[in-house]
Amino acid sequence: MNLFRNWRFGYTKHVVRNVEISAQSPETCLKVARAGLE
């Protein structure tokens, strides 16, 4: 519940983590991009 209340100010760490995960490999990067758009 606390996470839900703070979503407006807590979203940035997830965007950063998305990029860090995408940096693991080109295949992971494109998999993340494809999944997000789909």
PDB file of all heavy atoms in Angstrom:
ATOM      1  N   MET A   1       0.826  -1.206   0.000  1.00  0.00           N
ATOM      2  CA  MET A   1       0.000   0.000   0.000  1.00  0.00           C
ATOM      3  C   MET A   1       0.858   1.253   0.000  1.00  0.00           C
ATOM      4  O   MET A   1       0.580   2.216  -0.683  1.00  0.00           O
ATOM      5  CB  MET A   1      -0.944  -0.018   1.212  1.00  0.00           C
ATOM      6  CG  MET A   1      -1.909   1.175   1.266  1.00  0.00           C
ATOM      7  SD  MET A   1      -3.037   1.200  -0.158  1.00  0.00           S
ATOM      8  CE  MET A   1      -4.105  -0.176   0.294  1.00  0.00           C
ATOM      9  N   ASN A   2       1.958   1.218   0.776  1.00  0.00           N
ATOM     10  CA  ASN A   2       2.846   2.382   0.819  1.00  0.00           C
ATOM     11  C   ASN A   2       3.472   2.631  -0.545  1.00  0.00           C
ATOM     12  O   ASN A   2       3.614   3.767  -0.974  1.00  0.00           O
ATOM     13  CB  ASN A   2       3.940   2.158   1.863  1.00  0.00           C
ATOM     14  CG  ASN A   2       4.796   3.385   2.061  1.00  0.00           C
ATOM     15  OD1 ASN A   2       4.274   4.467   2.306  1.00  0.00           O
ATOM     16  ND2 ASN A   2       6.101   3.227   1.940  1.00  0.00           N
ATOM     17  N   LEU A   3       3.828   1.537  -1.253  1.00  0.00           N
ATOM     18  CA  LEU A   3       4.391   1.663  -2.587  1.00  0.00           C
ATOM     19  C   LEU A   3       3.383   2.314  -3.523  1.00  0.00           C
ATOM     20  O   LEU A   3       3.725   3.169  -4.346  1.00  0.00           O
ATOM     21  CB  LEU A   3       4.791   0.285  -3.118  1.00  0.00           C
ATOM     22  CG  LEU A   3       5.330   0.238  -4.555  1.00  0.00           C
ATOM     23  CD1 LEU A   3       6.608   1.051  -4.654  1.00  0.00           C
ATOM     24  CD2 LEU A   3       5.591  -1.192  -4.983  1.00  0.00           C
ATOM     25  N   PHE A   4       2.110   1.938  -3.403  1.00  0.00           N
ATOM     26  CA  PHE A   4       1.083   2.498  -4.263  1.00  0.00           C
ATOM     27  C   PHE A   4       0.927   3.998  -4.015  1.00  0.00           C
ATOM     28  O   PHE A   4       0.807   4.780  -4.946  1.00  0.00           O
ATOM     29  CB  PHE A   4      -0.256   1.786  -4.012  1.00  0.00           C
ATOM     30  CG  PHE A   4      -1.386   2.337  -4.819  1.00  0.00           C
ATOM     31  CD1 PHE A   4      -1.522   2.000  -6.150  1.00  0.00           C
ATOM     32  CD2 PHE A   4      -2.321   3.206  -4.253  1.00  0.00           C
ATOM     33  CE1 PHE A   4      -2.565   2.514  -6.916  1.00  0.00           C
ATOM     34  CE2 PHE A   4      -3.358   3.712  -5.002  1.00  0.00           C
ATOM     35  CZ  PHE A   4      -3.484   3.363  -6.340  1.00  0.00           C
ATOM     36  N   ARG A   5       0.962   4.399  -2.729  1.00  0.00           N
ATOM     37  CA  ARG A   5       0.802   5.817  -2.407  1.00  0.00           C
ATOM     38  C   ARG A   5       1.969   6.644  -2.937  1.00  0.00           C
ATOM     39  O   ARG A   5       1.801   7.810  -3.295  1.00  0.00           O
ATOM     40  CB  ARG A   5       0.685   6.011  -0.889  1.00  0.00           C
ATOM     41  CG  ARG A   5      -0.655   5.589  -0.302  1.00  0.00           C
ATOM     42  CD  ARG A   5      -0.851   6.222   1.074  1.00  0.00           C
ATOM     43  NE  ARG A   5       0.234   5.882   1.999  1.00  0.00           N
ATOM     44  CZ  ARG A   5       0.207   4.844   2.831  1.00  0.00           C
ATOM     45  NH1 ARG A   5      -0.848   4.038   2.826  1.00  0.00           N
ATOM     46  NH2 ARG A   5       1.209   4.606   3.647  1.00  0.00           N
ATOM     47  N   ASN A   6       3.154   6.047  -3.006  1.00  0.00           N
ATOM     48  CA  ASN A   6       4.346   6.789  -3.375  1.00  0.00           C
ATOM     49  C   ASN A   6       4.756   6.593  -4.835  1.00  0.00           C
ATOM     50  O   ASN A   6       5.863   6.966  -5.217  1.00  0.00           O
ATOM     51  CB  ASN A   6       5.513   6.387  -2.473  1.00  0.00           C
ATOM     52  CG  ASN A   6       5.296   6.827  -1.033  1.00  0.00           C
ATOM     53  OD1 ASN A   6       4.669   7.844  -0.790  1.00  0.00           O
ATOM     54  ND2 ASN A   6       5.818   6.056  -0.095  1.00  0.00           N
ATOM     55  N   TRP A   7       3.866   6.043  -5.654  1.00  0.00           N
ATOM     56  CA  TRP A   7       4.255   5.746  -7.030  1.00  0.00           C
ATOM     57  C   TRP A   7       4.686   6.996  -7.776  1.00  0.00           C
ATOM     58  O   TRP A   7       5.591   6.960  -8.608  1.00  0.00           O
ATOM     59  CB  TRP A   7       3.102   5.072  -7.776  1.00  0.00           C
ATOM     60  CG  TRP A   7       1.936   5.997  -8.032  1.00  0.00           C
ATOM     61  CD1 TRP A   7       0.886   6.239  -7.214  1.00  0.00           C
ATOM     62  CD2 TRP A   7       1.738   6.819  -9.179  1.00  0.00           C
ATOM     63  NE1 TRP A   7       0.035   7.158  -7.761  1.00  0.00           N
ATOM     64  CE2 TRP A   7       0.534   7.536  -8.978  1.00  0.00           C
ATOM     65  CE3 TRP A   7       2.449   7.035 -10.358  1.00  0.00           C
ATOM     66  CZ2 TRP A   7       0.024   8.437  -9.904  1.00  0.00           C
ATOM     67  CZ3 TRP A   7       1.940   7.939 -11.282  1.00  0.00           C
ATOM     68  CH2 TRP A   7       0.743   8.626 -11.060  1.00  0.00           C
ATOM     69  N   ARG A   8       4.066   8.119  -7.469  1.00  0.00           N
ATOM     70  CA  ARG A   8       4.356   9.358  -8.187  1.00  0.00           C
ATOM     71  C   ARG A   8       5.803   9.802  -7.999  1.00  0.00           C
ATOM     72  O   ARG A   8       6.372  10.461  -8.868  1.00  0.00           O
ATOM     73  CB  ARG A   8       3.383  10.453  -7.716  1.00  0.00           C
ATOM     74  CG  ARG A   8       3.575  11.821  -8.371  1.00  0.00           C
ATOM     75  CD  ARG A   8       3.321  11.734  -9.868  1.00  0.00           C
ATOM     76  NE  ARG A   8       3.437  13.035 -10.502  1.00  0.00           N
ATOM     77  CZ  ARG A   8       4.591  13.645 -10.780  1.00  0.00           C
ATOM     78  NH1 ARG A   8       5.726  13.061 -10.451  1.00  0.00           N
ATOM     79  NH2 ARG A   8       4.621  14.812 -11.381  1.00  0.00           N
ATOM     80  N   PHE A   9       6.408   9.451  -6.878  1.00  0.00           N
ATOM     81  CA  PHE A   9       7.772   9.873  -6.605  1.00  0.00           C
ATOM     82  C   PHE A   9       8.757   8.701  -6.612  1.00  0.00           C
ATOM     83  O   PHE A   9       9.960   8.917  -6.495  1.00  0.00           O
ATOM     84  CB  PHE A   9       7.836  10.581  -5.249  1.00  0.00           C
ATOM     85  CG  PHE A   9       6.908  11.764  -5.165  1.00  0.00           C
ATOM     86  CD1 PHE A   9       5.739  11.700  -4.415  1.00  0.00           C
ATOM     87  CD2 PHE A   9       7.191  12.921  -5.858  1.00  0.00           C
ATOM     88  CE1 PHE A   9       4.874  12.784  -4.348  1.00  0.00           C
ATOM     89  CE2 PHE A   9       6.335  14.014  -5.805  1.00  0.00           C
ATOM     90  CZ  PHE A   9       5.172  13.947  -5.048  1.00  0.00           C
ATOM     91  N   GLY A  10       8.261   7.480  -6.785  1.00  0.00           N
ATOM     92  CA  GLY A  10       9.136   6.322  -6.703  1.00  0.00           C
ATOM     93  C   GLY A  10       9.365   5.595  -8.009  1.00  0.00           C
ATOM     94  O   GLY A  10      10.012   4.545  -8.029  1.00  0.00           O
ATOM     95  N   TYR A  11       8.866   6.163  -9.105  1.00  0.00           N
ATOM     96  CA  TYR A  11       8.944   5.444 -10.372  1.00  0.00           C
ATOM     97  C   TYR A  11      10.345   5.459 -10.992  1.00  0.00           C
ATOM     98  O   TYR A  11      10.699   4.586 -11.792  1.00  0.00           O
ATOM     99  CB  TYR A  11       7.949   6.034 -11.381  1.00  0.00           C
ATOM    100  CG  TYR A  11       8.312   7.406 -11.882  1.00  0.00           C
ATOM    101  CD1 TYR A  11       9.082   7.580 -13.034  1.00  0.00           C
ATOM    102  CD2 TYR A  11       7.894   8.555 -11.210  1.00  0.00           C
ATOM    103  CE1 TYR A  11       9.426   8.838 -13.493  1.00  0.00           C
ATOM    104  CE2 TYR A  11       8.223   9.810 -11.649  1.00  0.00           C
ATOM    105  CZ  TYR A  11       8.985   9.962 -12.796  1.00  0.00           C
ATOM    106  OH  TYR A  11       9.321  11.215 -13.241  1.00  0.00           O
ATOM    107  N   THR A  12      11.161   6.438 -10.619  1.00  0.00           N
ATOM    108  CA  THR A  12      12.417   6.632 -11.342  1.00  0.00           C
ATOM    109  C   THR A  12      13.370   5.443 -11.215  1.00  0.00           C
ATOM    110  O   THR A  12      14.070   5.105 -12.174  1.00  0.00           O
ATOM    111  CB  THR A  12      13.130   7.910 -10.865  1.00  0.00           C
ATOM    112  OG1 THR A  12      13.383   7.815  -9.461  1.00  0.00           O
ATOM    113  CG2 THR A  12      12.268   9.138 -11.124  1.00  0.00           C
ATOM    114  N   LYS A  13      13.385   4.810 -10.053  1.00  0.00           N
ATOM    115  CA  LYS A  13      14.320   3.685  -9.869  1.00  0.00           C
ATOM    116  C   LYS A  13      13.995   2.536 -10.817  1.00  0.00           C
ATOM    117  O   LYS A  13      14.892   1.783 -11.219  1.00  0.00           O
ATOM    118  CB  LYS A  13      14.297   3.204  -8.419  1.00  0.00           C
ATOM    119  CG  LYS A  13      12.967   2.706  -7.908  1.00  0.00           C
ATOM    120  CD  LYS A  13      13.083   2.261  -6.447  1.00  0.00           C
ATOM    121  CE  LYS A  13      11.734   1.839  -5.882  1.00  0.00           C
ATOM    122  NZ  LYS A  13      10.857   3.026  -5.643  1.00  0.00           N
ATOM    123  N   HIS A  14      12.738   2.402 -11.188  1.00  0.00           N
ATOM    124  CA  HIS A  14      12.353   1.324 -12.098  1.00  0.00           C
ATOM    125  C   HIS A  14      12.821   1.630 -13.525  1.00  0.00           C
ATOM    126  O   HIS A  14      13.176   0.703 -14.277  1.00  0.00           O
ATOM    127  CB  HIS A  14      10.845   1.133 -12.061  1.00  0.00           C
ATOM    128  CG  HIS A  14      10.316   0.803 -10.692  1.00  0.00           C
ATOM    129  ND1 HIS A  14      10.662  -0.356 -10.028  1.00  0.00           N
ATOM    130  CD2 HIS A  14       9.498   1.501  -9.856  1.00  0.00           C
ATOM    131  CE1 HIS A  14      10.062  -0.374  -8.835  1.00  0.00           C
ATOM    132  NE2 HIS A  14       9.363   0.745  -8.715  1.00  0.00           N
ATOM    133  N   VAL A  15      12.814   2.901 -13.904  1.00  0.00           N
ATOM    134  CA  VAL A  15      13.311   3.277 -15.229  1.00  0.00           C
ATOM    135  C   VAL A  15      14.818   3.029 -15.306  1.00  0.00           C
ATOM    136  O   VAL A  15      15.321   2.487 -16.299  1.00  0.00           O
ATOM    137  CB  VAL A  15      12.985   4.752 -15.535  1.00  0.00           C
ATOM    138  CG1 VAL A  15      13.466   5.115 -16.938  1.00  0.00           C
ATOM    139  CG2 VAL A  15      11.488   5.025 -15.418  1.00  0.00           C
ATOM    140  N   VAL A  16      15.516   3.408 -14.251  1.00  0.00           N
ATOM    141  CA  VAL A  16      16.961   3.162 -14.208  1.00  0.00           C
ATOM    142  C   VAL A  16      17.247   1.658 -14.283  1.00  0.00           C
ATOM    143  O   VAL A  16      18.126   1.215 -15.027  1.00  0.00           O
ATOM    144  CB  VAL A  16      17.573   3.764 -12.926  1.00  0.00           C
ATOM    145  CG1 VAL A  16      19.050   3.384 -12.812  1.00  0.00           C
ATOM    146  CG2 VAL A  16      17.409   5.279 -12.914  1.00  0.00           C
ATOM    147  N   ARG A  17      16.493   0.891 -13.529  1.00  0.00           N
ATOM    148  CA  ARG A  17      16.702  -0.556 -13.516  1.00  0.00           C
ATOM    149  C   ARG A  17      16.411  -1.163 -14.888  1.00  0.00           C
ATOM    150  O   ARG A  17      17.084  -2.109 -15.321  1.00  0.00           O
ATOM    151  CB  ARG A  17      15.808  -1.204 -12.449  1.00  0.00           C
ATOM    152  CG  ARG A  17      16.041  -2.694 -12.265  1.00  0.00           C
ATOM    153  CD  ARG A  17      17.458  -2.984 -11.849  1.00  0.00           C
ATOM    154  NE  ARG A  17      17.711  -4.429 -11.720  1.00  0.00           N
ATOM    155  CZ  ARG A  17      18.869  -4.998 -11.989  1.00  0.00           C
ATOM    156  NH1 ARG A  17      19.902  -4.266 -12.387  1.00  0.00           N
ATOM    157  NH2 ARG A  17      19.015  -6.295 -11.834  1.00  0.00           N
ATOM    158  N   ASN A  18      15.438  -0.626 -15.593  1.00  0.00           N
ATOM    159  CA  ASN A  18      15.113  -1.100 -16.935  1.00  0.00           C
ATOM    160  C   ASN A  18      16.325  -0.972 -17.853  1.00  0.00           C
ATOM    161  O   ASN A  18      16.633  -1.891 -18.622  1.00  0.00           O
ATOM    162  CB  ASN A  18      13.935  -0.290 -17.492  1.00  0.00           C
ATOM    163  CG  ASN A  18      13.554  -0.686 -18.904  1.00  0.00           C
ATOM    164  OD1 ASN A  18      14.162  -0.232 -19.855  1.00  0.00           O
ATOM    165  ND2 ASN A  18      12.526  -1.507 -19.032  1.00  0.00           N
ATOM    166  N   VAL A  19      17.023   0.158 -17.752  1.00  0.00           N
ATOM    167  CA  VAL A  19      18.209   0.368 -18.587  1.00  0.00           C
ATOM    168  C   VAL A  19      19.341  -0.542 -18.146  1.00  0.00           C
ATOM    169  O   VAL A  19      20.054  -1.124 -18.990  1.00  0.00           O
ATOM    170  CB  VAL A  19      18.640   1.848 -18.538  1.00  0.00           C
ATOM    171  CG1 VAL A  19      19.960   2.060 -19.279  1.00  0.00           C
ATOM    172  CG2 VAL A  19      17.560   2.739 -19.135  1.00  0.00           C
ATOM    173  N   GLU A  20      19.525  -0.712 -16.841  1.00  0.00           N
ATOM    174  CA  GLU A  20      20.592  -1.584 -16.351  1.00  0.00           C
ATOM    175  C   GLU A  20      20.381  -3.028 -16.805  1.00  0.00           C
ATOM    176  O   GLU A  20      21.334  -3.717 -17.201  1.00  0.00           O
ATOM    177  CB  GLU A  20      20.664  -1.508 -14.832  1.00  0.00           C
ATOM    178  CG  GLU A  20      21.170  -0.166 -14.319  1.00  0.00           C
ATOM    179  CD  GLU A  20      21.131  -0.054 -12.807  1.00  0.00           C
ATOM    180  OE1 GLU A  20      20.353  -0.809 -12.164  1.00  0.00           O
ATOM    181  OE2 GLU A  20      21.862   0.790 -12.263  1.00  0.00           O
ATOM    182  N   ILE A  21      19.147  -3.490 -16.757  1.00  0.00           N
ATOM    183  CA  ILE A  21      18.843  -4.850 -17.227  1.00  0.00           C
ATOM    184  C   ILE A  21      19.093  -4.954 -18.728  1.00  0.00           C
ATOM    185  O   ILE A  21      19.656  -5.937 -19.222  1.00  0.00           O
ATOM    186  CB  ILE A  21      17.387  -5.230 -16.885  1.00  0.00           C
ATOM    187  CG1 ILE A  21      17.226  -5.391 -15.373  1.00  0.00           C
ATOM    188  CG2 ILE A  21      16.971  -6.498 -17.611  1.00  0.00           C
ATOM    189  CD1 ILE A  21      15.788  -5.574 -14.922  1.00  0.00           C
ATOM    190  N   SER A  22      18.699  -3.912 -19.471  1.00  0.00           N
ATOM    191  CA  SER A  22      18.883  -3.918 -20.919  1.00  0.00           C
ATOM    192  C   SER A  22      20.352  -3.953 -21.302  1.00  0.00           C
ATOM    193  O   SER A  22      20.711  -4.430 -22.387  1.00  0.00           O
ATOM    194  CB  SER A  22      18.210  -2.682 -21.529  1.00  0.00           C
ATOM    195  OG  SER A  22      16.805  -2.705 -21.314  1.00  0.00           O
ATOM    196  N   ALA A  23      21.214  -3.458 -20.424  1.00  0.00           N
ATOM    197  CA  ALA A  23      22.654  -3.430 -20.706  1.00  0.00           C
ATOM    198  C   ALA A  23      23.304  -4.795 -20.553  1.00  0.00           C
ATOM    199  O   ALA A  23      24.480  -4.968 -20.917  1.00  0.00           O
ATOM    200  CB  ALA A  23      23.336  -2.423 -19.789  1.00  0.00           C
ATOM    201  N   GLN A  24      22.585  -5.791 -20.054  1.00  0.00           N
ATOM    202  CA  GLN A  24      23.186  -7.109 -19.819  1.00  0.00           C
ATOM    203  C   GLN A  24      23.662  -7.761 -21.106  1.00  0.00           C
ATOM    204  O   GLN A  24      24.688  -8.429 -21.132  1.00  0.00           O
ATOM    205  CB  GLN A  24      22.179  -8.019 -19.099  1.00  0.00           C
ATOM    206  CG  GLN A  24      21.904  -7.601 -17.665  1.00  0.00           C
ATOM    207  CD  GLN A  24      20.878  -8.493 -16.991  1.00  0.00           C
ATOM    208  OE1 GLN A  24      20.351  -9.431 -17.599  1.00  0.00           O
ATOM    209  NE2 GLN A  24      20.583  -8.200 -15.728  1.00  0.00           N
ATOM    210  N   SER A  25      22.892  -7.558 -22.183  1.00  0.00           N
ATOM    211  CA  SER A  25      23.300  -8.092 -23.480  1.00  0.00           C
ATOM    212  C   SER A  25      22.412  -7.470 -24.557  1.00  0.00           C
ATOM    213  O   SER A  25      21.299  -7.012 -24.262  1.00  0.00           O
ATOM    214  CB  SER A  25      23.145  -9.618 -23.530  1.00  0.00           C
ATOM    215  OG  SER A  25      21.772  -9.973 -23.533  1.00  0.00           O
ATOM    216  N   PRO A  26      22.875  -7.439 -25.818  1.00  0.00           N
ATOM    217  CA  PRO A  26      22.013  -6.933 -26.896  1.00  0.00           C
ATOM    218  C   PRO A  26      20.700  -7.697 -26.995  1.00  0.00           C
ATOM    219  O   PRO A  26      19.648  -7.112 -27.261  1.00  0.00           O
ATOM    220  CB  PRO A  26      22.876  -7.132 -28.149  1.00  0.00           C
ATOM    221  CG  PRO A  26      24.276  -7.086 -27.650  1.00  0.00           C
ATOM    222  CD  PRO A  26      24.235  -7.752 -26.299  1.00  0.00           C
ATOM    223  N   GLU A  27      20.759  -9.005 -26.776  1.00  0.00           N
ATOM    224  CA  GLU A  27      19.547  -9.817 -26.860  1.00  0.00           C
ATOM    225  C   GLU A  27      18.552  -9.426 -25.767  1.00  0.00           C
ATOM    226  O   GLU A  27      17.353  -9.294 -26.022  1.00  0.00           O
ATOM    227  CB  GLU A  27      19.898 -11.307 -26.725  1.00  0.00           C
ATOM    228  CG  GLU A  27      20.742 -11.866 -27.859  1.00  0.00           C
ATOM    229  CD  GLU A  27      22.210 -11.463 -27.783  1.00  0.00           C
ATOM    230  OE1 GLU A  27      22.667 -11.058 -26.680  1.00  0.00           O
ATOM    231  OE2 GLU A  27      22.891 -11.517 -28.827  1.00  0.00           O
ATOM    232  N   THR A  28      19.052  -9.208 -24.556  1.00  0.00           N
ATOM    233  CA  THR A  28      18.181  -8.785 -23.458  1.00  0.00           C
ATOM    234  C   THR A  28      17.590  -7.410 -23.739  1.00  0.00           C
ATOM    235  O   THR A  28      16.407  -7.157 -23.493  1.00  0.00           O
ATOM    236  CB  THR A  28      18.957  -8.754 -22.134  1.00  0.00           C
ATOM    237  OG1 THR A  28      19.462 -10.065 -21.854  1.00  0.00           O
ATOM    238  CG2 THR A  28      18.074  -8.301 -20.987  1.00  0.00           C
ATOM    239  N   CYS A  29      18.417  -6.515 -24.257  1.00  0.00           N
ATOM    240  CA  CYS A  29      17.965  -5.169 -24.577  1.00  0.00           C
ATOM    241  C   CYS A  29      16.784  -5.202 -25.547  1.00  0.00           C
ATOM    242  O   CYS A  29      15.754  -4.559 -25.323  1.00  0.00           O
ATOM    243  CB  CYS A  29      19.123  -4.371 -25.190  1.00  0.00           C
ATOM    244  SG  CYS A  29      18.698  -2.690 -25.674  1.00  0.00           S
ATOM    245  N   LEU A  30      16.914  -5.950 -26.611  1.00  0.00           N
ATOM    246  CA  LEU A  30      15.854  -6.013 -27.617  1.00  0.00           C
ATOM    247  C   LEU A  30      14.639  -6.778 -27.098  1.00  0.00           C
ATOM    248  O   LEU A  30      13.496  -6.458 -27.461  1.00  0.00           O
ATOM    249  CB  LEU A  30      16.394  -6.673 -28.889  1.00  0.00           C
ATOM    250  CG  LEU A  30      17.525  -5.887 -29.585  1.00  0.00           C
ATOM    251  CD1 LEU A  30      18.063  -6.679 -30.770  1.00  0.00           C
ATOM    252  CD2 LEU A  30      17.034  -4.517 -30.028  1.00  0.00           C
ATOM    253  N   LYS A  31      14.871  -7.759 -26.252  1.00  0.00           N
ATOM    254  CA  LYS A  31      13.753  -8.499 -25.653  1.00  0.00           C
ATOM    255  C   LYS A  31      12.913  -7.579 -24.782  1.00  0.00           C
ATOM    256  O   LYS A  31      11.672  -7.607 -24.811  1.00  0.00           O
ATOM    257  CB  LYS A  31      14.280  -9.676 -24.837  1.00  0.00           C
ATOM    258  CG  LYS A  31      13.199 -10.577 -24.258  1.00  0.00           C
ATOM    259  CD  LYS A  31      13.819 -11.758 -23.519  1.00  0.00           C
ATOM    260  CE  LYS A  31      12.748 -12.672 -22.933  1.00  0.00           C
ATOM    261  NZ  LYS A  31      13.348 -13.827 -22.206  1.00  0.00           N
ATOM    262  N   VAL A  32      13.585  -6.743 -23.985  1.00  0.00           N
ATOM    263  CA  VAL A  32      12.881  -5.779 -23.136  1.00  0.00           C
ATOM    264  C   VAL A  32      12.100  -4.797 -23.996  1.00  0.00           C
ATOM    265  O   VAL A  32      10.914  -4.497 -23.724  1.00  0.00           O
ATOM    266  CB  VAL A  32      13.885  -5.033 -22.230  1.00  0.00           C
ATOM    267  CG1 VAL A  32      13.217  -3.832 -21.555  1.00  0.00           C
ATOM    268  CG2 VAL A  32      14.453  -5.973 -21.179  1.00  0.00           C
ATOM    269  N   ALA A  33      12.734  -4.267 -25.029  1.00  0.00           N
ATOM    270  CA  ALA A  33      12.077  -3.289 -25.904  1.00  0.00           C
ATOM    271  C   ALA A  33      10.850  -3.888 -26.583  1.00  0.00           C
ATOM    272  O   ALA A  33       9.779  -3.272 -26.645  1.00  0.00           O
ATOM    273  CB  ALA A  33      13.069  -2.787 -26.954  1.00  0.00           C
ATOM    274  N   ARG A  34      11.011  -5.116 -27.078  1.00  0.00           N
ATOM    275  CA  ARG A  34       9.908  -5.769 -27.783  1.00  0.00           C
ATOM    276  C   ARG A  34       8.743  -6.055 -26.830  1.00  0.00           C
ATOM    277  O   ARG A  34       7.578  -5.823 -27.172  1.00  0.00           O
ATOM    278  CB  ARG A  34      10.418  -7.073 -28.414  1.00  0.00           C
ATOM    279  CG  ARG A  34       9.462  -7.697 -29.407  1.00  0.00           C
ATOM    280  CD  ARG A  34      10.096  -8.907 -30.076  1.00  0.00           C
ATOM    281  NE  ARG A  34      11.270  -8.534 -30.874  1.00  0.00           N
ATOM    282  CZ  ARG A  34      12.524  -8.823 -30.545  1.00  0.00           C
ATOM    283  NH1 ARG A  34      12.788  -9.497 -29.430  1.00  0.00           N
ATOM    284  NH2 ARG A  34      13.519  -8.450 -31.327  1.00  0.00           N
ATOM    285  N   ALA A  35       9.067  -6.524 -25.641  1.00  0.00           N
ATOM    286  CA  ALA A  35       8.017  -6.852 -24.666  1.00  0.00           C
ATOM    287  C   ALA A  35       7.262  -5.593 -24.245  1.00  0.00           C
ATOM    288  O   ALA A  35       6.033  -5.609 -24.115  1.00  0.00           O
ATOM    289  CB  ALA A  35       8.632  -7.539 -23.452  1.00  0.00           C
ATOM    290  N   GLY A  36       7.992  -4.499 -24.028  1.00  0.00           N
ATOM    291  CA  GLY A  36       7.347  -3.261 -23.620  1.00  0.00           C
ATOM    292  C   GLY A  36       6.397  -2.738 -24.671  1.00  0.00           C
ATOM    293  O   GLY A  36       5.252  -2.352 -24.373  1.00  0.00           O
ATOM    294  N   LEU A  37       6.829  -2.735 -25.916  1.00  0.00           N
ATOM    295  CA  LEU A  37       5.981  -2.219 -26.991  1.00  0.00           C
ATOM    296  C   LEU A  37       4.797  -3.142 -27.265  1.00  0.00           C
ATOM    297  O   LEU A  37       3.671  -2.674 -27.503  1.00  0.00           O
ATOM    298  CB  LEU A  37       6.813  -2.040 -28.257  1.00  0.00           C
ATOM    299  CG  LEU A  37       7.808  -0.870 -28.214  1.00  0.00           C
ATOM    300  CD1 LEU A  37       8.698  -0.884 -29.454  1.00  0.00           C
ATOM    301  CD2 LEU A  37       7.081   0.461 -28.098  1.00  0.00           C
ATOM    302  N   GLU A  38       5.031  -4.449 -27.225  1.00  0.00           N
ATOM    303  CA  GLU A  38       3.922  -5.388 -27.450  1.00  0.00           C
ATOM    304  C   GLU A  38       2.852  -5.228 -26.378  1.00  0.00           C
ATOM    305  O   GLU A  38       1.646  -5.285 -26.666  1.00  0.00           O
ATOM    306  CB  GLU A  38       4.449  -6.817 -27.490  1.00  0.00           C
ATOM    307  CG  GLU A  38       5.219  -7.143 -28.760  1.00  0.00           C
ATOM    308  CD  GLU A  38       5.783  -8.554 -28.754  1.00  0.00           C
ATOM    309  OE1 GLU A  38       5.662  -9.252 -27.713  1.00  0.00           O
ATOM    310  OE2 GLU A  38       6.353  -8.963 -29.790  1.00  0.00           O
TER     311      GLU A  38
END
